[in-house]
Amino acid sequence: MVTKEVKIKNQTGLHARPAALLVDVANKFESELKIIHGNKEANVKSIISLISLAIGCDDAVIIQGDGVDEEEAVAEIATIIKGKFNE
């Protein structure tokens, strides 16, 4: 299992478009991927699950991967988040 903490930097937080981008990227990997925000967690392969976390700008989240390609998966998701979801 691999984890990485990142901070959400885009002004609008994790809304529908960034969530859809994360789902598209996550589905390229076999590993189970989660985002943990406070005491809630969401499957990164589920847009509804991600949006339900209500993550805002400057919120810290933990990306967790578990599986054969966990390191690559967590690194790619972290890169997208750090890049403000290309917004």
Protein backbone atom coordinates (compact mmCIF):
# COMPACT_ATOMS: atom_id res chain seq x y z
CA MET A 1 0.00 0.00 0.00
CA VAL A 2 1.24 3.47 -0.95
CA THR A 3 -0.03 6.80 0.41
CA LYS A 4 0.73 10.41 -0.43
CA GLU A 5 -0.65 13.61 1.09
CA VAL A 6 -1.38 16.54 -1.23
CA LYS A 7 -3.17 19.87 -0.92
CA ILE A 8 -5.94 20.96 -3.28
CA LYS A 9 -4.83 24.23 -4.86
CA ASN A 10 -7.43 25.09 -7.49
CA GLN A 11 -9.88 27.78 -6.36
CA THR A 12 -13.05 25.74 -6.92
CA GLY A 13 -11.92 22.59 -5.13
CA LEU A 14 -12.86 19.12 -6.32
CA HIS A 15 -16.00 19.67 -8.39
CA ALA A 16 -17.44 17.63 -11.29
CA ARG A 17 -14.83 18.33 -13.99
CA PRO A 18 -11.73 17.59 -11.87
CA ALA A 19 -13.49 14.56 -10.38
CA ALA A 20 -14.21 13.23 -13.88
CA LEU A 21 -10.55 13.74 -14.81
CA LEU A 22 -9.42 11.77 -11.74
CA VAL A 23 -11.87 8.96 -12.54
CA ASP A 24 -10.58 8.74 -16.14
CA VAL A 25 -6.97 8.54 -14.96
CA ALA A 26 -7.72 6.12 -12.11
CA ASN A 27 -9.46 3.72 -14.49
CA LYS A 28 -6.17 3.23 -16.37
CA PHE A 29 -4.80 1.40 -13.33
CA GLU A 30 -5.59 -1.97 -11.80
CA SER A 31 -4.90 -0.84 -8.24
CA GLU A 32 -7.62 0.19 -5.82
CA LEU A 33 -7.36 3.95 -5.34
CA LYS A 34 -8.89 6.04 -2.58
CA ILE A 35 -8.84 9.67 -1.56
CA ILE A 36 -9.15 10.27 2.17
CA HIS A 37 -10.41 13.63 3.44
CA GLY A 38 -10.76 13.91 7.19
CA ASN A 39 -12.65 10.84 8.35
CA LYS A 40 -14.23 10.17 4.93
CA GLU A 41 -12.82 8.20 2.03
CA ALA A 42 -13.83 7.81 -1.60
CA ASN A 43 -13.08 5.42 -4.41
CA VAL A 44 -11.19 7.45 -7.03
CA LYS A 45 -12.89 5.40 -9.75
CA SER A 46 -16.33 6.77 -8.71
CA ILE A 47 -17.26 10.37 -9.56
CA ILE A 48 -20.18 10.40 -7.12
CA SER A 49 -17.95 9.12 -4.33
CA LEU A 50 -15.35 11.84 -5.02
CA ILE A 51 -17.83 14.71 -5.20
CA SER A 52 -19.46 13.57 -1.95
CA LEU A 53 -16.23 14.39 -0.08
CA ALA A 54 -16.89 18.14 -0.60
CA ILE A 55 -13.18 18.96 -0.92
CA GLY A 56 -12.39 22.66 -1.14
CA CYS A 57 -9.38 24.81 -1.98
CA ASP A 58 -6.47 24.37 0.46
CA ASP A 59 -7.90 21.12 1.85
CA ALA A 60 -5.33 18.37 2.42
CA VAL A 61 -6.16 14.88 1.18
CA ILE A 62 -4.41 11.53 1.27
CA ILE A 63 -4.21 9.44 -1.88
CA GLN A 64 -4.02 5.73 -1.13
CA GLY A 65 -3.22 3.01 -3.65
CA ASP A 66 -3.20 -0.73 -3.19
CA GLY A 67 -2.34 -3.14 -5.98
CA VAL A 68 0.15 -4.10 -8.65
CA ASP A 69 0.60 -0.58 -10.08
CA GLU A 70 -0.03 1.37 -6.86
CA GLU A 71 3.11 3.55 -6.96
CA GLU A 72 2.53 4.74 -10.52
CA ALA A 73 -1.19 5.26 -9.88
CA VAL A 74 -0.72 7.34 -6.72
CA ALA A 75 2.04 9.39 -8.37
CA GLU A 76 -0.12 10.21 -11.41
CA ILE A 77 -3.15 11.18 -9.32
CA ALA A 78 -0.92 13.37 -7.11
CA THR A 79 0.58 15.08 -10.17
CA ILE A 80 -2.88 15.94 -11.49
CA ILE A 81 -3.97 17.36 -8.13
CA LYS A 82 -0.76 19.38 -7.73
CA GLY A 83 -1.28 20.72 -11.27
CA LYS A 84 -4.67 22.14 -10.23
CA PHE A 85 -6.50 19.63 -12.45
CA ASN A 86 -5.24 21.53 -15.52
CA GLU A 87 -7.63 24.42 -14.72
